[in-house]
Amino acid sequence: MQQTSAFAAPYGTSRRPAVTGRHARPGKVTVLAIGRAVPEMMIKNEGLADNFLRDANVDDPIMLAKLRRLCETTTVKTRYVVINEQMLRENPNFLIEGAPTLGARLRISGDAVTKLGVEAAVDAIREWGRPISDITHLVYVSSSEVRLPGGDLHLARHLGLRPDVNRVMLYMLGCYGGASGIRVAKDLAENNPGSRVLLVTSETTLIGYRKPNRDRPYDLVGAALFGDGAAAMILGTDPLPVLETASFELDWAGQWYLPGTETTIEGTLTEEGLIFKLGRELPKLIEANVRAFCDPVIKRVAAGTAGNLQYNDMFWAVHPGGPAILNAVEKQLGLEHHKLQSSRQILADYGNISSSTCIYVLDHMRRHSLKLKEKLAAGSNAAQPGSGAAAAAEIEPEWGFILAFGPGITIEGALARSLS
């Protein structure tokens, strides 16, 4: 992806009539643009275990074998990270157990997430095509920084947003933060006709980067799974003809938390950074509860279409928290394997980018759909037998789910329509 130096620039049910075309309905919130940004530093999981433990000065064959295995089982191939060799040379205490490094971590993380967030926002605004002064609301999501004033103000300042932009911050939500941001942005846009909401998610693993310890198995999971990156969306109702193009419409958004699971995912901010704990029971908890979350929502679609809509008739933009989570969703909902292909591809190419990941998945689906339509058009023009039909069969269905999971345990989701 091309980077931009942006710092230099300034549940109930309801019946509804059947939708006969892929056009945005009046008053419904639409996605008008999507942007992404990642750090320059790319790392490959192949060979990472040996390099990581060597750099951390850890000589532990058992830990090395575990990390090598994790680097394979996570299915992650590449990730992008803020941390680099120069940063570690300048901050050697980051790899010293118990060293009070929180201040330095927060200072670097704050600058990094702002830079990435601005770059993703500029990417989205460029696609949107309207003046930045037309942004009326800003929703900012991050679990990678803590400061006053908050990251929302830093984003607004660096982007050159109007001083009267209405800002909302969502901090420390973890991996469901992107879906929460979509819900909040949707509510803002629906309740403020004519508004244009900029949603930005930005994350870095630096705040939790540390020397691995046998007593903290999650250190190794984090080293093999997580990456850094930012995402942005512009949302609003009633797209302006010619000036704006909507790719998705948001019909419903909401969340559940699962009582009694508060300790399955925990993060504690300490003098040495953010200490994570992840319970092995997470995939099973998701598998046991995801259908109960999704079933009432699919009835909304069935009520409007008067059809027998099934899960495999929909597209799925699922946060790829890891292959075990994707497998749990696929198994419980009875999804065909290709339904989560975009989630698996983003996991392989970027790792788990916490709140940003579900937006990356949605963007990947959008881009993939456009490529298939180009293939369809080319096949039709060339009169190649079967090529157009094959492409058409792969184009995403009209209705779909955006789904994410995180601390709580929280399940957050949105019901969407593809307008591509």
Protein backbone atom coordinates (compact mmCIF):
# COMPACT_ATOMS: atom_id res chain seq x y z
CA MET A 1 0.00 0.00 0.00
CA GLN A 2 1.25 3.44 -0.88
CA GLN A 3 2.02 5.52 2.19
CA THR A 4 1.40 9.23 2.57
CA SER A 5 3.38 11.58 4.75
CA ALA A 6 0.19 13.00 6.19
CA PHE A 7 1.91 14.96 8.95
CA ALA A 8 3.14 17.27 6.25
CA ALA A 9 -0.48 17.94 5.17
CA PRO A 10 -2.04 20.22 7.04
CA TYR A 11 -32.17 -6.04 18.75
CA GLY A 12 -35.76 -6.25 18.15
CA THR A 13 -37.16 -7.24 14.79
CA SER A 14 -38.71 -5.02 12.16
CA ARG A 15 -40.46 -5.54 8.84
CA ARG A 16 -39.44 -3.53 5.83
CA PRO A 17 -40.20 -3.64 2.13
CA ALA A 18 -38.02 -5.87 0.00
CA VAL A 19 -35.00 -4.13 -1.51
CA THR A 20 -35.17 -4.40 -5.28
CA GLY A 21 -31.82 -2.84 -6.15
CA ARG A 22 -28.45 -2.15 -4.59
CA HIS A 23 -29.11 1.49 -3.87
CA ALA A 24 -28.72 3.24 -0.54
CA ARG A 25 -32.05 3.68 1.21
CA PRO A 26 -33.00 7.16 2.47
CA GLY A 27 -31.70 7.87 5.97
CA LYS A 28 -29.56 4.74 6.14
CA VAL A 29 -25.87 5.17 6.96
CA THR A 30 -23.45 4.25 4.22
CA VAL A 31 -19.70 3.71 4.00
CA LEU A 32 -18.41 6.38 1.63
CA ALA A 33 -14.67 5.65 1.77
CA ILE A 34 -12.12 3.39 3.46
CA GLY A 35 -8.42 4.05 4.08
CA ARG A 36 -5.50 2.10 5.51
CA ALA A 37 -1.96 2.76 6.73
CA VAL A 38 0.81 0.55 8.08
CA PRO A 39 4.34 1.26 9.37
CA GLU A 40 7.29 0.94 7.01
CA MET A 41 8.85 -1.95 8.94
CA MET A 42 7.65 -5.33 7.64
CA ILE A 43 8.51 -8.58 9.44
CA LYS A 44 8.03 -12.15 8.26
CA ASN A 45 6.95 -14.92 10.60
CA GLU A 46 9.34 -17.28 8.85
CA GLY A 47 12.50 -17.19 10.96
CA LEU A 48 11.00 -14.76 13.48
CA ALA A 49 11.28 -17.10 16.48
CA ASP A 50 15.06 -17.41 16.28
CA ASN A 51 15.59 -13.71 15.66
CA PHE A 52 13.20 -12.53 18.36
CA LEU A 53 14.68 -14.69 21.13
CA ARG A 54 18.22 -13.85 20.02
CA ASP A 55 17.50 -10.11 20.14
CA ALA A 56 15.86 -10.55 23.56
CA ASN A 57 18.91 -12.50 24.77
CA VAL A 58 16.79 -15.54 25.65
CA ASP A 59 18.43 -18.97 25.42
CA ASP A 60 15.53 -21.34 26.03
CA PRO A 61 15.06 -24.30 23.64
CA ILE A 62 11.54 -25.02 24.94
CA MET A 63 10.41 -21.45 24.42
CA LEU A 64 12.04 -21.40 20.98
CA ALA A 65 10.18 -24.55 19.93
CA LYS A 66 6.88 -23.09 21.16
CA LEU A 67 7.38 -19.84 19.29
CA ARG A 68 8.39 -21.63 16.09
CA ARG A 69 5.20 -23.67 16.32
CA LEU A 70 3.08 -20.57 16.98
CA CYS A 71 4.58 -18.77 14.00
CA GLU A 72 3.24 -21.59 11.84
CA THR A 73 -0.14 -22.22 13.50
CA THR A 74 -1.20 -18.56 13.54
CA THR A 75 -1.05 -18.69 9.68
CA VAL A 76 0.42 -15.17 9.73
CA LYS A 77 2.99 -14.62 6.98
CA THR A 78 3.83 -10.91 7.27
CA ARG A 79 3.16 -8.04 9.67
CA TYR A 80 4.03 -4.38 9.92
CA VAL A 81 5.38 -2.93 13.16
CA VAL A 82 6.47 0.40 14.60
CA ILE A 83 9.27 -1.07 16.70
CA ASN A 84 12.65 -1.45 15.02
CA GLU A 85 16.32 -2.03 15.83
CA GLN A 86 17.12 1.65 16.30
CA MET A 87 14.26 2.07 18.76
CA LEU A 88 15.51 -0.90 20.79
CA ARG A 89 19.04 0.48 20.80
CA GLU A 90 17.75 3.79 22.10
CA ASN A 91 15.46 2.09 24.64
CA PRO A 92 17.26 -1.06 25.84
CA ASN A 93 15.07 -1.18 28.96
CA PHE A 94 12.14 -2.32 26.81
CA LEU A 95 13.67 -5.81 26.99
CA ILE A 96 14.59 -5.74 30.68
CA GLU A 97 12.13 -7.56 32.91
CA GLY A 98 10.45 -5.18 35.38
CA ALA A 99 12.07 -2.00 34.03
CA PRO A 100 9.82 1.10 34.38
CA THR A 101 9.38 1.93 30.71
CA LEU A 102 5.72 2.98 30.54
CA GLY A 103 6.47 6.66 29.99
CA ALA A 104 8.78 6.01 27.04
CA ARG A 105 6.40 3.48 25.52
CA LEU A 106 3.42 5.83 25.73
CA ARG A 107 5.40 8.72 24.25
CA ILE A 108 6.50 6.70 21.22
CA SER A 109 3.13 4.96 20.85
CA GLY A 110 1.24 8.23 20.97
CA ASP A 111 3.27 9.70 18.14
CA ALA A 112 3.07 6.47 16.13
CA VAL A 113 -0.70 5.95 16.34
CA THR A 114 -1.32 9.58 15.46
CA LYS A 115 0.94 9.36 12.42
CA LEU A 116 -0.67 6.11 11.24
CA GLY A 117 -4.17 7.41 11.96
CA VAL A 118 -3.58 10.57 9.96
CA GLU A 119 -2.20 8.59 7.02
CA ALA A 120 -5.22 6.26 7.00
CA ALA A 121 -7.59 9.23 7.26
CA VAL A 122 -5.89 11.02 4.35
CA ASP A 123 -6.17 7.81 2.31
CA ALA A 124 -9.94 7.69 3.00
CA ILE A 125 -10.49 11.40 2.40
CA ARG A 126 -8.67 11.19 -0.92
CA GLU A 127 -10.98 8.37 -2.02
CA TRP A 128 -14.04 10.24 -0.75
CA GLY A 129 -13.17 13.25 -2.87
CA ARG A 130 -14.84 15.98 -0.83
CA PRO A 131 -13.10 18.76 1.18
CA ILE A 132 -11.84 17.83 4.63
CA SER A 133 -13.84 20.78 5.96
CA ASP A 134 -17.01 18.76 5.24
CA ILE A 135 -16.14 16.33 8.07
CA THR A 136 -18.51 17.08 10.97
CA HIS A 137 -17.67 14.30 13.48
CA LEU A 138 -14.58 12.32 14.45
CA VAL A 139 -14.64 8.91 16.19
CA TYR A 140 -11.22 7.69 17.32
CA VAL A 141 -10.47 4.14 18.53
CA SER A 142 -7.22 2.90 20.09
CA SER A 143 -5.91 0.56 22.79
CA SER A 144 -2.33 1.72 22.26
CA GLU A 145 -2.13 5.08 24.01
CA VAL A 146 -3.18 7.04 27.10
CA ARG A 147 -2.72 10.82 27.25
CA LEU A 148 -4.41 14.18 27.74
CA PRO A 149 -5.42 15.75 25.46
CA GLY A 150 -6.46 12.52 23.81
CA GLY A 151 -5.52 11.11 20.45
CA ASP A 152 -8.73 12.47 18.94
CA LEU A 153 -7.49 16.03 19.37
CA HIS A 154 -4.06 15.19 17.97
CA LEU A 155 -5.71 13.65 14.91
CA ALA A 156 -7.98 16.64 14.42
CA ARG A 157 -5.05 19.04 14.69
CA HIS A 158 -2.76 17.21 12.28
CA LEU A 159 -5.54 16.66 9.77
CA GLY A 160 -6.66 20.26 9.89
CA LEU A 161 -10.25 19.44 10.84
CA ARG A 162 -12.56 22.30 11.74
CA PRO A 163 -12.40 23.40 15.40
CA ASP A 164 -16.13 22.67 15.78
CA VAL A 165 -15.77 19.01 14.76
CA ASN A 166 -17.52 16.83 17.35
CA ARG A 167 -15.05 14.27 18.72
CA VAL A 168 -15.54 10.90 20.46
CA MET A 169 -12.77 8.68 21.87
CA LEU A 170 -13.08 4.92 22.41
CA TYR A 171 -10.10 3.63 24.40
CA MET A 172 -8.98 0.16 25.52
CA LEU A 173 -11.68 -1.87 23.79
CA GLY A 174 -9.21 -4.25 22.19
CA CYS A 175 -10.11 -6.28 19.15
CA TYR A 176 -13.80 -5.36 18.99
CA GLY A 177 -12.99 -1.63 18.97
CA GLY A 178 -13.29 -1.23 15.20
CA ALA A 179 -16.82 -2.68 15.20
CA SER A 180 -17.71 -0.46 18.17
CA GLY A 181 -16.42 2.53 16.26
CA ILE A 182 -18.62 1.61 13.30
CA ARG A 183 -21.65 1.42 15.63
CA VAL A 184 -20.95 4.80 17.24
CA ALA A 185 -20.24 6.44 13.87
CA LYS A 186 -23.47 4.95 12.49
CA ASP A 187 -25.50 6.33 15.40
CA LEU A 188 -23.94 9.77 15.02
CA ALA A 189 -24.60 9.90 11.29
CA GLU A 190 -28.20 8.68 11.65
CA ASN A 191 -29.02 11.24 14.32
CA ASN A 192 -27.33 14.16 12.57
CA PRO A 193 -28.73 14.34 9.02
CA GLY A 194 -26.22 15.69 6.52
CA SER A 195 -23.26 14.91 8.78
CA ARG A 196 -20.11 13.17 7.59
CA VAL A 197 -18.36 11.07 10.24
CA LEU A 198 -14.67 10.19 10.08
CA LEU A 199 -13.86 6.98 11.96
CA VAL A 200 -10.18 6.27 12.69
CA THR A 201 -8.69 3.20 14.39
CA SER A 202 -4.97 3.08 15.11
CA GLU A 203 -2.92 0.47 16.95
CA THR A 204 0.66 -0.48 17.78
CA THR A 205 1.99 -3.43 19.78
CA LEU A 206 4.82 -1.37 21.30
CA ILE A 207 2.93 -0.76 24.54
CA GLY A 208 3.01 -4.52 25.24
CA TYR A 209 6.31 -5.48 23.60
CA ARG A 210 8.63 -7.20 26.07
CA LYS A 211 11.11 -9.98 26.70
CA PRO A 212 9.22 -13.29 26.71
CA ASN A 213 8.76 -15.12 29.99
CA ARG A 214 7.76 -18.77 30.56
CA ASP A 215 5.32 -17.61 33.22
CA ARG A 216 3.49 -15.50 30.61
CA PRO A 217 2.60 -17.82 27.71
CA TYR A 218 0.70 -15.00 26.01
CA ASP A 219 4.02 -13.20 25.38
CA LEU A 220 4.73 -15.76 22.67
CA VAL A 221 1.22 -15.56 21.19
CA GLY A 222 1.58 -11.80 20.91
CA ALA A 223 4.99 -12.12 19.28
CA ALA A 224 3.61 -14.44 16.60
CA LEU A 225 0.16 -12.93 15.97
CA PHE A 226 -0.15 -9.17 16.39
CA GLY A 227 0.78 -6.33 14.07
CA ASP A 228 0.41 -2.55 13.84
CA GLY A 229 -1.74 -0.43 11.57
CA ALA A 230 -4.53 2.09 11.20
CA ALA A 231 -7.82 2.20 9.32
CA ALA A 232 -10.29 4.94 8.49
CA MET A 233 -13.85 5.18 7.24
CA ILE A 234 -16.09 8.04 6.20
CA LEU A 235 -19.77 7.42 6.92
CA GLY A 236 -22.98 9.33 6.26
CA THR A 237 -26.56 9.10 5.08
CA ASP A 238 -27.98 9.96 1.66
CA PRO A 239 -24.84 10.01 -0.53
CA LEU A 240 -24.68 13.01 -2.82
CA PRO A 241 -25.14 12.02 -6.48
CA VAL A 242 -21.95 12.24 -8.54
CA LEU A 243 -19.95 13.56 -5.55
CA GLU A 244 -20.07 10.44 -3.35
CA THR A 245 -20.05 6.67 -3.92
CA ALA A 246 -21.26 4.28 -1.21
CA SER A 247 -19.86 0.77 -0.96
CA PHE A 248 -21.85 -0.54 2.01
CA GLU A 249 -25.02 0.38 3.88
CA LEU A 250 -25.35 -0.26 7.62
CA ASP A 251 -28.77 -1.61 8.68
CA TRP A 252 -28.15 -2.48 12.35
CA ALA A 253 -25.30 -2.50 14.86
CA GLY A 254 -25.04 -3.78 18.42
CA GLN A 255 -23.10 -5.78 20.97
CA TRP A 256 -23.36 -8.45 23.66
CA TYR A 257 -21.13 -9.26 26.57
CA LEU A 258 -20.95 -12.75 28.05
CA PRO A 259 -21.43 -12.67 31.86
CA GLY A 260 -18.78 -14.47 33.83
CA THR A 261 -16.07 -14.15 31.18
CA GLU A 262 -14.48 -10.91 32.38
CA THR A 263 -11.14 -12.58 33.12
CA THR A 264 -10.76 -14.43 29.81
CA ILE A 265 -9.00 -11.47 28.22
CA GLU A 266 -7.30 -9.04 30.57
CA GLY A 267 -4.89 -6.17 30.16
CA THR A 268 -3.21 -4.36 33.03
CA LEU A 269 -1.30 -1.12 32.56
CA THR A 270 1.89 -1.30 34.65
CA GLU A 271 5.16 0.58 34.89
CA GLU A 272 6.64 -1.86 32.38
CA GLY A 273 3.84 -1.52 29.85
CA LEU A 274 0.58 -3.31 29.16
CA ILE A 275 0.51 -6.89 30.50
CA PHE A 276 -1.91 -9.15 28.62
CA LYS A 277 -3.58 -12.38 29.64
CA LEU A 278 -5.53 -14.51 27.18
CA GLY A 279 -7.53 -17.57 28.24
CA ARG A 280 -7.39 -20.73 26.16
CA GLU A 281 -11.18 -20.98 26.41
CA LEU A 282 -11.79 -17.97 24.12
CA PRO A 283 -12.48 -19.87 20.85
CA LYS A 284 -14.88 -22.23 22.64
CA LEU A 285 -16.73 -19.31 24.24
CA ILE A 286 -17.16 -17.68 20.85
CA GLU A 287 -18.27 -20.93 19.27
CA ALA A 288 -20.86 -21.44 22.02
CA ASN A 289 -22.36 -17.94 21.73
CA VAL A 290 -21.93 -16.56 18.22
CA ARG A 291 -25.11 -18.13 16.81
CA ALA A 292 -27.23 -16.70 19.64
CA PHE A 293 -25.86 -13.27 18.72
CA CYS A 294 -26.40 -13.64 14.98
CA ASP A 295 -29.75 -15.48 14.80
CA PRO A 296 -31.97 -12.54 15.87
CA VAL A 297 -30.23 -10.26 13.41
CA ILE A 298 -30.70 -12.46 10.37
CA LYS A 299 -34.47 -12.35 11.05
CA ARG A 300 -34.35 -8.66 10.19
CA VAL A 301 -33.21 -9.52 6.69
CA ALA A 302 -35.67 -12.42 6.32
CA ALA A 303 -38.54 -10.11 7.35
CA GLY A 304 -37.68 -7.66 4.59
CA THR A 305 -36.87 -10.07 1.79
CA ALA A 306 -39.65 -12.58 2.54
CA GLY A 307 -37.10 -15.24 1.74
CA ASN A 308 -35.40 -18.10 3.51
CA LEU A 309 -32.02 -16.40 3.89
CA GLN A 310 -29.26 -18.62 5.27
CA TYR A 311 -25.84 -17.75 6.66
CA ASN A 312 -24.17 -19.00 3.51
CA ASP A 313 -26.27 -16.54 1.50
CA MET A 314 -24.42 -13.67 3.22
CA PHE A 315 -20.93 -12.18 3.18
CA TRP A 316 -18.86 -12.26 6.39
CA ALA A 317 -16.34 -9.64 7.48
CA VAL A 318 -15.12 -11.35 10.65
CA HIS A 319 -12.29 -10.04 12.80
CA PRO A 320 -9.48 -12.60 12.43
CA GLY A 321 -8.39 -12.82 16.06
CA GLY A 322 -6.62 -16.03 15.10
CA PRO A 323 -7.30 -19.17 13.08
CA ALA A 324 -8.98 -20.91 16.04
CA ILE A 325 -11.52 -18.09 16.30
CA LEU A 326 -12.26 -18.14 12.58
CA ASN A 327 -12.61 -21.92 12.69
CA ALA A 328 -15.03 -21.61 15.64
CA VAL A 329 -17.25 -19.12 13.77
CA GLU A 330 -17.14 -21.20 10.59
CA LYS A 331 -18.05 -24.39 12.44
CA GLN A 332 -20.88 -22.97 14.58
CA LEU A 333 -22.57 -21.07 11.73
CA GLY A 334 -21.97 -23.85 9.20
CA LEU A 335 -20.22 -21.49 6.81
CA GLU A 336 -18.63 -22.67 3.60
CA HIS A 337 -14.87 -22.32 3.89
CA HIS A 338 -14.56 -19.54 1.31
CA LYS A 339 -16.91 -17.30 3.32
CA LEU A 340 -14.05 -16.29 5.62
CA GLN A 341 -11.41 -16.05 2.91
CA SER A 342 -10.98 -12.29 3.28
CA SER A 343 -10.51 -12.66 7.04
CA ARG A 344 -7.91 -15.37 6.55
CA GLN A 345 -6.09 -13.34 3.90
CA ILE A 346 -5.86 -10.24 6.09
CA LEU A 347 -4.61 -12.39 8.97
CA ALA A 348 -1.89 -13.82 6.73
CA ASP A 349 -0.84 -10.44 5.31
CA TYR A 350 -1.08 -8.21 8.39
CA GLY A 351 -1.65 -10.34 11.48
CA ASN A 352 -4.17 -9.28 14.12
CA ILE A 353 -4.18 -5.44 14.15
CA SER A 354 -6.68 -5.27 17.02
CA SER A 355 -9.41 -2.67 16.33
CA SER A 356 -8.28 -1.97 12.77
CA THR A 357 -8.54 -5.54 11.48
CA CYS A 358 -12.27 -5.85 10.76
CA ILE A 359 -12.10 -2.69 8.63
CA TYR A 360 -9.18 -4.16 6.70
CA VAL A 361 -11.33 -7.26 6.07
CA LEU A 362 -14.25 -5.17 4.82
CA ASP A 363 -11.94 -3.24 2.52
CA HIS A 364 -10.41 -6.45 1.20
CA MET A 365 -13.88 -7.77 0.36
CA ARG A 366 -14.75 -4.55 -1.44
CA ARG A 367 -11.57 -4.58 -3.50
CA HIS A 368 -11.95 -8.29 -4.29
CA SER A 369 -15.51 -7.71 -5.48
CA LEU A 370 -14.42 -4.92 -7.81
CA LYS A 371 -11.71 -7.13 -9.31
CA LEU A 372 -14.24 -9.90 -9.93
CA LYS A 373 -16.57 -7.47 -11.68
CA GLU A 374 -13.73 -6.33 -13.90
CA LYS A 375 -13.09 -10.00 -14.67
CA LEU A 376 -16.79 -10.44 -15.42
CA ALA A 377 -16.80 -7.49 -17.79
CA ALA A 378 -13.64 -8.70 -19.54
CA GLY A 379 -15.10 -12.19 -19.90
CA SER A 380 -18.29 -10.83 -21.39
CA ASN A 381 -16.48 -8.58 -23.82
CA ALA A 382 -14.22 -11.39 -24.95
CA ALA A 383 -17.19 -13.75 -25.19
CA GLN A 384 -15.31 -16.40 -23.27
CA PRO A 385 -17.73 -19.20 -22.38
CA GLY A 386 -18.31 -19.49 -18.65
CA SER A 387 -15.83 -16.84 -17.55
CA GLY A 388 -18.44 -14.19 -16.83
CA ALA A 389 -20.69 -16.61 -14.97
CA ALA A 390 -17.80 -17.86 -12.85
CA ALA A 391 -16.93 -14.33 -11.82
CA ALA A 392 -20.55 -13.42 -11.11
CA ALA A 393 -20.95 -16.43 -8.81
CA GLU A 394 -18.11 -15.19 -6.65
CA ILE A 395 -19.30 -11.59 -6.24
CA GLU A 396 -20.35 -10.93 -2.67
CA PRO A 397 -24.04 -11.32 -1.73
CA GLU A 398 -26.16 -8.30 -0.90
CA TRP A 399 -26.45 -8.86 2.87
CA GLY A 400 -23.67 -9.59 5.30
CA PHE A 401 -22.23 -9.39 8.82
CA ILE A 402 -19.38 -7.40 10.28
CA LEU A 403 -18.32 -9.29 13.39
CA ALA A 404 -15.64 -8.80 16.07
CA PHE A 405 -14.73 -10.16 19.49
CA GLY A 406 -12.75 -8.83 22.44
CA PRO A 407 -12.49 -8.32 26.20
CA GLY A 408 -15.69 -8.84 28.15
CA ILE A 409 -16.04 -11.28 26.43
CA THR A 410 -17.75 -8.87 24.05
CA ILE A 411 -19.30 -9.75 20.69
CA GLU A 412 -19.83 -6.70 18.51
CA GLY A 413 -21.40 -6.72 15.08
CA ALA A 414 -23.22 -4.91 12.34
CA LEU A 415 -25.67 -5.99 9.64
CA ALA A 416 -24.64 -4.53 6.31
CA ARG A 417 -25.65 -4.42 2.65
CA SER A 418 -23.17 -4.42 -0.17
CA LEU A 419 -23.87 -1.62 -2.63
CA SER A 420 -20.93 -2.41 -4.90
